[in-house]
Amino acid sequence: MINNQEEFDKVLPAGYDGETDYEWITEAIGRRNIKPMDIDANVEINGHRLHFESKADGVEVSPAQRQALERSIKSHVVIYMWPKRDPRKFLVIYPDGKRVDMNRSEMEIFIHKWADAADNDRLTNFLKVKRCSCCGAVIEIPLCERCYVANKGWENA
């Protein structure tokens, strides 16, 4: 079920242990044009999940995969990341459908804070997107650090 074997062979998944033939699932589904898909990474803490899907630079997520992943976000966060080997660009889809672009450092902070919130079962408030009122960066305070410095403090925001 690999769409492009040559590209797949260039970047084998972490812990790759060979291919599994899932054609029987497609056949069992029958009349629909539905095929199994993988999730590149999945982290679960206390029933809360992060889903990661990586693509090579310039490769879009297929409409079917996008639909399947984004429908799962009623209770999960979906994260797309590019490029595949060393991701630097991320798109986070929250359970309420909000979409937030992040860079690598923002994603690392997000994952750390997500894990802390999941550990303490505090994800409801955590998953409400907050942005800097000046530049739009994802934050937990009124301004991100860069805008705080540029505005010389909160009072000038």
N, C-alpha and C. Protein backbone atom coordinates (compact mmCIF):
# COMPACT_ATOMS: atom_id res chain seq x y z
N MET A 1 0.81 -1.21 0.00
CA MET A 1 0.00 0.00 0.00
C MET A 1 0.85 1.26 0.00
N ILE A 2 2.12 1.14 -0.22
CA ILE A 2 2.97 2.33 -0.28
C ILE A 2 2.77 2.98 -1.64
N ASN A 3 2.42 4.27 -1.63
CA ASN A 3 2.11 4.97 -2.88
C ASN A 3 3.33 5.17 -3.74
N ASN A 4 4.49 5.46 -3.14
CA ASN A 4 5.71 5.72 -3.90
C ASN A 4 6.85 4.98 -3.22
N GLN A 5 7.07 3.73 -3.63
CA GLN A 5 8.06 2.86 -2.99
C GLN A 5 9.45 3.46 -3.02
N GLU A 6 9.83 4.09 -4.13
CA GLU A 6 11.17 4.65 -4.27
C GLU A 6 11.40 5.75 -3.22
N GLU A 7 10.44 6.65 -3.06
CA GLU A 7 10.56 7.71 -2.05
C GLU A 7 10.51 7.13 -0.64
N PHE A 8 9.66 6.15 -0.42
CA PHE A 8 9.56 5.52 0.89
C PHE A 8 10.90 4.90 1.29
N ASP A 9 11.55 4.21 0.34
CA ASP A 9 12.82 3.55 0.64
C ASP A 9 13.93 4.54 0.97
N LYS A 10 13.82 5.79 0.53
CA LYS A 10 14.84 6.81 0.82
C LYS A 10 14.83 7.21 2.29
N VAL A 11 13.66 7.22 2.92
CA VAL A 11 13.53 7.67 4.30
C VAL A 11 12.66 6.65 5.05
N LEU A 12 13.28 5.57 5.50
CA LEU A 12 12.52 4.55 6.21
C LEU A 12 12.08 5.07 7.58
N PRO A 13 10.90 4.69 8.02
CA PRO A 13 10.40 5.15 9.33
C PRO A 13 11.29 4.66 10.47
N ALA A 14 11.31 5.41 11.56
CA ALA A 14 12.06 5.01 12.75
C ALA A 14 11.55 3.64 13.20
N GLY A 15 12.46 2.74 13.52
CA GLY A 15 12.07 1.42 14.00
C GLY A 15 11.42 0.56 12.93
N TYR A 16 11.65 0.90 11.66
CA TYR A 16 11.02 0.18 10.55
C TYR A 16 11.35 -1.30 10.61
N ASP A 17 10.31 -2.13 10.59
CA ASP A 17 10.53 -3.58 10.69
C ASP A 17 9.90 -4.32 9.51
N GLY A 18 9.75 -3.63 8.41
CA GLY A 18 9.21 -4.27 7.21
C GLY A 18 7.79 -3.84 6.91
N GLU A 19 7.31 -4.24 5.75
CA GLU A 19 5.98 -3.88 5.31
C GLU A 19 4.95 -4.91 5.76
N THR A 20 3.76 -4.44 5.99
CA THR A 20 2.63 -5.31 6.29
C THR A 20 1.62 -5.12 5.17
N ASP A 21 1.08 -6.22 4.68
CA ASP A 21 0.09 -6.14 3.62
C ASP A 21 -1.27 -5.88 4.24
N TYR A 22 -1.80 -4.68 4.03
CA TYR A 22 -3.11 -4.31 4.56
C TYR A 22 -4.19 -4.34 3.49
N GLU A 23 -3.87 -4.90 2.34
CA GLU A 23 -4.85 -4.95 1.25
C GLU A 23 -6.14 -5.64 1.68
N TRP A 24 -6.03 -6.61 2.57
CA TRP A 24 -7.22 -7.33 3.02
C TRP A 24 -8.21 -6.40 3.73
N ILE A 25 -7.69 -5.35 4.37
CA ILE A 25 -8.58 -4.39 5.03
C ILE A 25 -9.35 -3.61 3.98
N THR A 26 -8.64 -3.16 2.95
CA THR A 26 -9.29 -2.44 1.86
C THR A 26 -10.38 -3.31 1.23
N GLU A 27 -10.06 -4.57 1.01
CA GLU A 27 -11.04 -5.48 0.42
C GLU A 27 -12.22 -5.70 1.36
N ALA A 28 -11.95 -5.79 2.67
CA ALA A 28 -13.02 -6.02 3.63
C ALA A 28 -13.97 -4.81 3.70
N ILE A 29 -13.41 -3.61 3.51
CA ILE A 29 -14.25 -2.41 3.52
C ILE A 29 -15.17 -2.44 2.31
N GLY A 30 -14.65 -2.96 1.20
CA GLY A 30 -15.48 -3.18 0.02
C GLY A 30 -15.73 -1.97 -0.84
N ARG A 31 -16.99 -1.58 -0.95
CA ARG A 31 -17.44 -0.62 -1.94
C ARG A 31 -16.81 0.76 -1.83
N ARG A 32 -16.24 1.10 -0.72
CA ARG A 32 -15.64 2.42 -0.55
C ARG A 32 -14.20 2.42 -1.05
N ASN A 33 -13.71 3.57 -1.42
CA ASN A 33 -12.31 3.71 -1.83
C ASN A 33 -11.50 4.14 -0.60
N ILE A 34 -11.52 3.33 0.44
CA ILE A 34 -10.83 3.64 1.69
C ILE A 34 -9.68 2.67 1.88
N LYS A 35 -8.51 3.24 2.22
CA LYS A 35 -7.33 2.41 2.45
C LYS A 35 -6.75 2.75 3.82
N PRO A 36 -6.13 1.78 4.46
CA PRO A 36 -5.48 2.06 5.75
C PRO A 36 -4.37 3.09 5.57
N MET A 37 -4.10 3.82 6.63
CA MET A 37 -3.00 4.79 6.60
C MET A 37 -2.22 4.65 7.89
N ASP A 38 -1.01 5.12 7.86
CA ASP A 38 -0.20 5.12 9.07
C ASP A 38 -0.25 6.50 9.71
N ILE A 39 0.07 6.55 10.96
CA ILE A 39 0.31 7.81 11.66
C ILE A 39 1.79 7.76 12.01
N ASP A 40 2.53 8.78 11.61
CA ASP A 40 3.98 8.73 11.76
C ASP A 40 4.42 8.69 13.22
N ALA A 41 3.70 9.37 14.08
CA ALA A 41 4.01 9.30 15.51
C ALA A 41 2.74 9.62 16.28
N ASN A 42 2.63 9.03 17.45
CA ASN A 42 1.46 9.23 18.29
C ASN A 42 1.93 9.17 19.74
N VAL A 43 1.60 10.19 20.51
CA VAL A 43 1.95 10.24 21.92
C VAL A 43 0.65 10.29 22.71
N GLU A 44 0.54 9.44 23.74
CA GLU A 44 -0.66 9.40 24.57
C GLU A 44 -0.28 9.58 26.02
N ILE A 45 -0.96 10.49 26.71
CA ILE A 45 -0.81 10.68 28.15
C ILE A 45 -2.21 10.82 28.73
N ASN A 46 -2.57 9.91 29.63
CA ASN A 46 -3.87 9.94 30.30
C ASN A 46 -5.04 10.08 29.32
N GLY A 47 -4.96 9.38 28.19
CA GLY A 47 -6.03 9.42 27.21
C GLY A 47 -6.00 10.60 26.27
N HIS A 48 -5.06 11.50 26.44
CA HIS A 48 -4.90 12.65 25.56
C HIS A 48 -3.81 12.32 24.55
N ARG A 49 -4.01 12.71 23.31
CA ARG A 49 -3.08 12.31 22.26
C ARG A 49 -2.57 13.47 21.42
N LEU A 50 -1.36 13.27 20.92
CA LEU A 50 -0.78 14.10 19.85
C LEU A 50 -0.55 13.16 18.67
N HIS A 51 -1.03 13.53 17.50
CA HIS A 51 -0.77 12.76 16.28
C HIS A 51 0.19 13.58 15.43
N PHE A 52 1.23 12.95 14.92
CA PHE A 52 2.20 13.61 14.04
C PHE A 52 2.17 12.95 12.67
N GLU A 53 2.17 13.75 11.63
CA GLU A 53 2.26 13.26 10.26
C GLU A 53 3.33 14.06 9.56
N SER A 54 4.37 13.39 9.07
CA SER A 54 5.46 14.10 8.42
C SER A 54 5.43 13.86 6.92
N LYS A 55 5.85 14.87 6.18
CA LYS A 55 5.92 14.81 4.72
C LYS A 55 7.24 15.44 4.27
N ALA A 56 7.71 15.02 3.12
CA ALA A 56 8.90 15.64 2.54
C ALA A 56 8.54 17.06 2.13
N ASP A 57 9.55 17.93 2.03
CA ASP A 57 9.30 19.31 1.58
C ASP A 57 8.52 19.30 0.28
N GLY A 58 7.50 20.12 0.22
CA GLY A 58 6.71 20.25 -1.00
C GLY A 58 5.63 19.20 -1.18
N VAL A 59 5.57 18.19 -0.29
CA VAL A 59 4.56 17.14 -0.41
C VAL A 59 3.37 17.51 0.46
N GLU A 60 2.21 17.56 -0.14
CA GLU A 60 0.99 17.90 0.57
C GLU A 60 0.38 16.64 1.19
N VAL A 61 -0.38 16.82 2.24
CA VAL A 61 -1.14 15.73 2.84
C VAL A 61 -2.32 15.47 1.90
N SER A 62 -2.55 14.19 1.57
CA SER A 62 -3.65 13.87 0.65
C SER A 62 -4.99 14.27 1.27
N PRO A 63 -5.97 14.60 0.45
CA PRO A 63 -7.28 14.97 1.00
C PRO A 63 -7.87 13.88 1.90
N ALA A 64 -7.72 12.62 1.52
CA ALA A 64 -8.28 11.53 2.33
C ALA A 64 -7.57 11.42 3.68
N GLN A 65 -6.25 11.54 3.68
CA GLN A 65 -5.50 11.47 4.94
C GLN A 65 -5.82 12.68 5.81
N ARG A 66 -5.89 13.84 5.20
CA ARG A 66 -6.22 15.06 5.95
C ARG A 66 -7.60 14.90 6.61
N GLN A 67 -8.57 14.41 5.85
CA GLN A 67 -9.91 14.24 6.39
C GLN A 67 -9.92 13.26 7.56
N ALA A 68 -9.25 12.13 7.40
CA ALA A 68 -9.23 11.12 8.46
C ALA A 68 -8.56 11.65 9.72
N LEU A 69 -7.42 12.31 9.57
CA LEU A 69 -6.71 12.84 10.74
C LEU A 69 -7.49 13.96 11.41
N GLU A 70 -8.00 14.88 10.62
CA GLU A 70 -8.67 16.04 11.20
C GLU A 70 -10.02 15.67 11.81
N ARG A 71 -10.65 14.61 11.34
CA ARG A 71 -11.88 14.15 11.99
C ARG A 71 -11.58 13.55 13.36
N SER A 72 -10.35 13.05 13.53
CA SER A 72 -9.99 12.45 14.81
C SER A 72 -9.74 13.50 15.88
N ILE A 73 -9.67 14.77 15.50
CA ILE A 73 -9.29 15.79 16.47
C ILE A 73 -10.42 16.26 17.36
N LYS A 74 -11.55 15.60 17.30
CA LYS A 74 -12.59 15.95 18.26
C LYS A 74 -12.06 15.76 19.67
N SER A 75 -11.10 14.85 19.82
CA SER A 75 -10.51 14.64 21.14
C SER A 75 -8.99 14.62 21.08
N HIS A 76 -8.41 14.88 19.93
CA HIS A 76 -6.97 14.80 19.78
C HIS A 76 -6.43 16.04 19.05
N VAL A 77 -5.13 16.21 19.14
CA VAL A 77 -4.43 17.26 18.40
C VAL A 77 -3.70 16.58 17.24
N VAL A 78 -3.83 17.14 16.05
CA VAL A 78 -3.12 16.61 14.89
C VAL A 78 -2.02 17.60 14.54
N ILE A 79 -0.83 17.06 14.28
CA ILE A 79 0.31 17.91 13.93
C ILE A 79 0.92 17.42 12.63
N TYR A 80 0.93 18.31 11.63
CA TYR A 80 1.63 18.03 10.38
C TYR A 80 3.00 18.67 10.48
N MET A 81 4.01 18.00 9.92
CA MET A 81 5.37 18.56 10.02
C MET A 81 6.14 18.33 8.73
N TRP A 82 6.95 19.33 8.40
CA TRP A 82 7.78 19.31 7.19
C TRP A 82 9.16 19.84 7.52
N PRO A 83 10.24 19.41 6.87
CA PRO A 83 10.34 18.21 6.05
C PRO A 83 10.41 16.97 6.93
N LYS A 84 10.44 15.84 6.31
CA LYS A 84 10.33 14.57 7.02
C LYS A 84 11.51 14.28 7.96
N ARG A 85 12.75 14.45 7.49
CA ARG A 85 13.91 14.05 8.30
C ARG A 85 14.17 14.97 9.49
N ASP A 86 14.09 16.26 9.31
CA ASP A 86 14.38 17.20 10.39
C ASP A 86 13.33 18.31 10.35
N PRO A 87 12.13 18.01 10.86
CA PRO A 87 11.02 18.97 10.72
C PRO A 87 11.33 20.34 11.32
N ARG A 88 10.94 21.39 10.57
CA ARG A 88 11.13 22.77 11.01
C ARG A 88 9.85 23.59 10.88
N LYS A 89 8.88 23.06 10.15
CA LYS A 89 7.61 23.76 9.93
C LYS A 89 6.48 22.84 10.40
N PHE A 90 5.58 23.38 11.19
CA PHE A 90 4.52 22.57 11.78
C PHE A 90 3.17 23.27 11.62
N LEU A 91 2.14 22.48 11.44
CA LEU A 91 0.77 22.98 11.46
C LEU A 91 0.03 22.17 12.51
N VAL A 92 -0.46 22.85 13.54
CA VAL A 92 -1.18 22.20 14.63
C VAL A 92 -2.67 22.41 14.42
N ILE A 93 -3.45 21.33 14.47
CA ILE A 93 -4.89 21.40 14.35
C ILE A 93 -5.47 21.02 15.72
N TYR A 94 -6.14 21.98 16.35
CA TYR A 94 -6.70 21.78 17.68
C TYR A 94 -8.06 21.08 17.59
N PRO A 95 -8.53 20.50 18.70
CA PRO A 95 -9.84 19.82 18.70
C PRO A 95 -10.99 20.70 18.22
N ASP A 96 -10.90 22.01 18.40
CA ASP A 96 -11.98 22.89 17.94
C ASP A 96 -11.80 23.33 16.49
N GLY A 97 -10.78 22.79 15.82
CA GLY A 97 -10.56 23.08 14.41
C GLY A 97 -9.59 24.23 14.14
N LYS A 98 -9.17 24.95 15.19
CA LYS A 98 -8.22 26.04 14.97
C LYS A 98 -6.91 25.48 14.44
N ARG A 99 -6.30 26.25 13.54
CA ARG A 99 -5.03 25.86 12.92
C ARG A 99 -3.97 26.88 13.31
N VAL A 100 -2.81 26.39 13.74
CA VAL A 100 -1.73 27.27 14.16
C VAL A 100 -0.43 26.79 13.53
N ASP A 101 0.25 27.68 12.80
CA ASP A 101 1.57 27.38 12.27
C ASP A 101 2.60 27.60 13.36
N MET A 102 3.58 26.72 13.44
CA MET A 102 4.65 26.86 14.44
C MET A 102 5.98 26.52 13.80
N ASN A 103 7.04 27.07 14.39
CA ASN A 103 8.38 26.68 14.00
C ASN A 103 8.87 25.61 14.98
N ARG A 104 10.10 25.17 14.81
CA ARG A 104 10.61 24.06 15.63
C ARG A 104 10.66 24.41 17.12
N SER A 105 11.14 25.58 17.46
CA SER A 105 11.24 25.92 18.89
C SER A 105 9.86 26.08 19.51
N GLU A 106 8.91 26.66 18.78
CA GLU A 106 7.54 26.77 19.29
C GLU A 106 6.93 25.38 19.48
N MET A 107 7.22 24.46 18.55
CA MET A 107 6.68 23.11 18.65
C MET A 107 7.26 22.37 19.86
N GLU A 108 8.54 22.55 20.10
CA GLU A 108 9.16 21.89 21.26
C GLU A 108 8.53 22.38 22.56
N ILE A 109 8.29 23.68 22.64
CA ILE A 109 7.63 24.25 23.83
C ILE A 109 6.20 23.72 23.92
N PHE A 110 5.48 23.71 22.80
CA PHE A 110 4.11 23.20 22.77
C PHE A 110 4.05 21.77 23.29
N ILE A 111 4.93 20.91 22.77
CA ILE A 111 4.91 19.50 23.17
C ILE A 111 5.19 19.36 24.66
N HIS A 112 6.17 20.10 25.15
CA HIS A 112 6.51 20.04 26.58
C HIS A 112 5.31 20.47 27.43
N LYS A 113 4.69 21.58 27.05
CA LYS A 113 3.54 22.09 27.84
C LYS A 113 2.33 21.17 27.67
N TRP A 114 2.14 20.61 26.46
CA TRP A 114 1.05 19.66 26.26
C TRP A 114 1.22 18.46 27.18
N ALA A 115 2.44 17.93 27.25
CA ALA A 115 2.70 16.76 28.10
C ALA A 115 2.45 17.08 29.57
N ASP A 116 2.89 18.25 30.01
CA ASP A 116 2.64 18.65 31.40
C ASP A 116 1.14 18.75 31.67
N ALA A 117 0.40 19.37 30.76
CA ALA A 117 -1.04 19.51 30.94
C ALA A 117 -1.73 18.15 30.91
N ALA A 118 -1.29 17.26 30.02
CA ALA A 118 -1.88 15.93 29.93
C ALA A 118 -1.59 15.13 31.20
N ASP A 119 -0.37 15.26 31.73
CA ASP A 119 -0.01 14.57 32.98
C ASP A 119 -0.96 14.96 34.11
N ASN A 120 -1.36 16.20 34.13
CA ASN A 120 -2.20 16.73 35.21
C ASN A 120 -3.66 16.85 34.81
N ASP A 121 -4.02 16.26 33.67
CA ASP A 121 -5.39 16.28 33.17
C ASP A 121 -5.95 17.70 33.09
N ARG A 122 -5.13 18.63 32.56
CA ARG A 122 -5.52 20.03 32.42
C ARG A 122 -5.55 20.47 30.96
N LEU A 123 -5.85 19.57 30.04
CA LEU A 123 -5.77 19.91 28.62
C LEU A 123 -6.90 20.81 28.14
N THR A 124 -8.02 20.83 28.80
CA THR A 124 -9.14 21.65 28.32
C THR A 124 -8.72 23.10 28.17
N ASN A 125 -8.13 23.69 29.20
CA ASN A 125 -7.67 25.08 29.10
C ASN A 125 -6.44 25.21 28.23
N PHE A 126 -5.54 24.24 28.29
CA PHE A 126 -4.32 24.31 27.50
C PHE A 126 -4.62 24.37 26.01
N LEU A 127 -5.62 23.65 25.55
CA LEU A 127 -5.90 23.57 24.13
C LEU A 127 -6.64 24.78 23.57
N LYS A 128 -6.94 25.75 24.41
CA LYS A 128 -7.50 27.00 23.91
C LYS A 128 -6.34 27.83 23.37
N VAL A 129 -6.35 28.12 22.10
CA VAL A 129 -5.24 28.83 21.44
C VAL A 129 -5.15 30.26 21.95
N LYS A 130 -3.96 30.65 22.37
CA LYS A 130 -3.71 32.03 22.77
C LYS A 130 -2.61 32.58 21.86
N ARG A 131 -2.78 33.82 21.41
CA ARG A 131 -1.80 34.43 20.51
C ARG A 131 -1.37 35.78 21.04
N CYS A 132 -0.15 36.15 20.69
CA CYS A 132 0.37 37.46 21.03
C CYS A 132 -0.53 38.52 20.38
N SER A 133 -0.95 39.52 21.16
CA SER A 133 -1.83 40.55 20.63
C SER A 133 -1.11 41.46 19.63
N CYS A 134 0.20 41.39 19.59
CA CYS A 134 0.98 42.23 18.69
C CYS A 134 1.34 41.50 17.39
N CYS A 135 1.97 40.32 17.51
CA CYS A 135 2.47 39.65 16.30
C CYS A 135 1.73 38.36 15.96
N GLY A 136 0.89 37.85 16.87
CA GLY A 136 0.12 36.65 16.58
C GLY A 136 0.80 35.35 16.96
N ALA A 137 2.00 35.41 17.55
CA ALA A 137 2.70 34.18 17.97
C ALA A 137 1.88 33.47 19.05
N VAL A 138 1.97 32.14 19.09
CA VAL A 138 1.26 31.36 20.10
C VAL A 138 1.96 31.55 21.44
N ILE A 139 1.20 31.96 22.46
CA ILE A 139 1.78 32.30 23.76
C ILE A 139 0.83 31.96 24.90
N GLU A 140 1.27 32.19 26.12
CA GLU A 140 0.41 32.05 27.29
C GLU A 140 0.27 33.37 28.04
N ILE A 141 0.93 34.41 27.56
CA ILE A 141 0.90 35.72 28.20
C ILE A 141 0.45 36.76 27.15
N PRO A 142 0.15 38.02 27.52
CA PRO A 142 -0.38 38.98 26.54
C PRO A 142 0.49 39.23 25.32
N LEU A 143 1.80 39.23 25.48
CA LEU A 143 2.72 39.45 24.35
C LEU A 143 3.82 38.40 24.38
N CYS A 144 4.31 38.01 23.21
CA CYS A 144 5.46 37.11 23.19
C CYS A 144 6.69 37.90 23.64
N GLU A 145 7.77 37.21 23.95
CA GLU A 145 8.96 37.87 24.46
C GLU A 145 9.51 38.90 23.48
N ARG A 146 9.50 38.57 22.17
CA ARG A 146 10.02 39.50 21.17
C ARG A 146 9.23 40.81 21.16
N CYS A 147 7.89 40.72 21.21
CA CYS A 147 7.06 41.93 21.20
C CYS A 147 7.12 42.67 22.53
N TYR A 148 7.30 41.94 23.61
CA TYR A 148 7.45 42.55 24.93
C TYR A 148 8.68 43.47 24.91
N VAL A 149 9.78 42.95 24.37
CA VAL A 149 11.02 43.74 24.29
C VAL A 149 10.83 44.92 23.34
N ALA A 150 10.21 44.68 22.18
CA ALA A 150 10.01 45.74 21.19
C ALA A 150 9.10 46.85 21.75
N ASN A 151 8.11 46.48 22.56
CA ASN A 151 7.17 47.43 23.14
C ASN A 151 7.62 47.94 24.50
N LYS A 152 8.77 47.50 24.95
CA LYS A 152 9.37 47.90 26.24
C LYS A 152 8.41 47.65 27.40
N GLY A 153 7.78 46.47 27.38
CA GLY A 153 6.97 46.07 28.52
C GLY A 153 5.51 45.93 28.19
N TRP A 154 4.77 45.30 29.09
CA TRP A 154 3.35 45.03 28.88
C TRP A 154 2.53 46.31 28.81
N GLU A 155 2.90 47.31 29.58
CA GLU A 155 2.08 48.52 29.65
C GLU A 155 2.02 49.27 28.32
N ASN A 156 2.98 49.05 27.43
CA ASN A 156 2.99 49.76 26.13
C ASN A 156 2.30 48.96 25.03
N ALA A 157 1.79 47.80 25.36
CA ALA A 157 1.20 46.94 24.34
C ALA A 157 -0.17 47.47 23.90
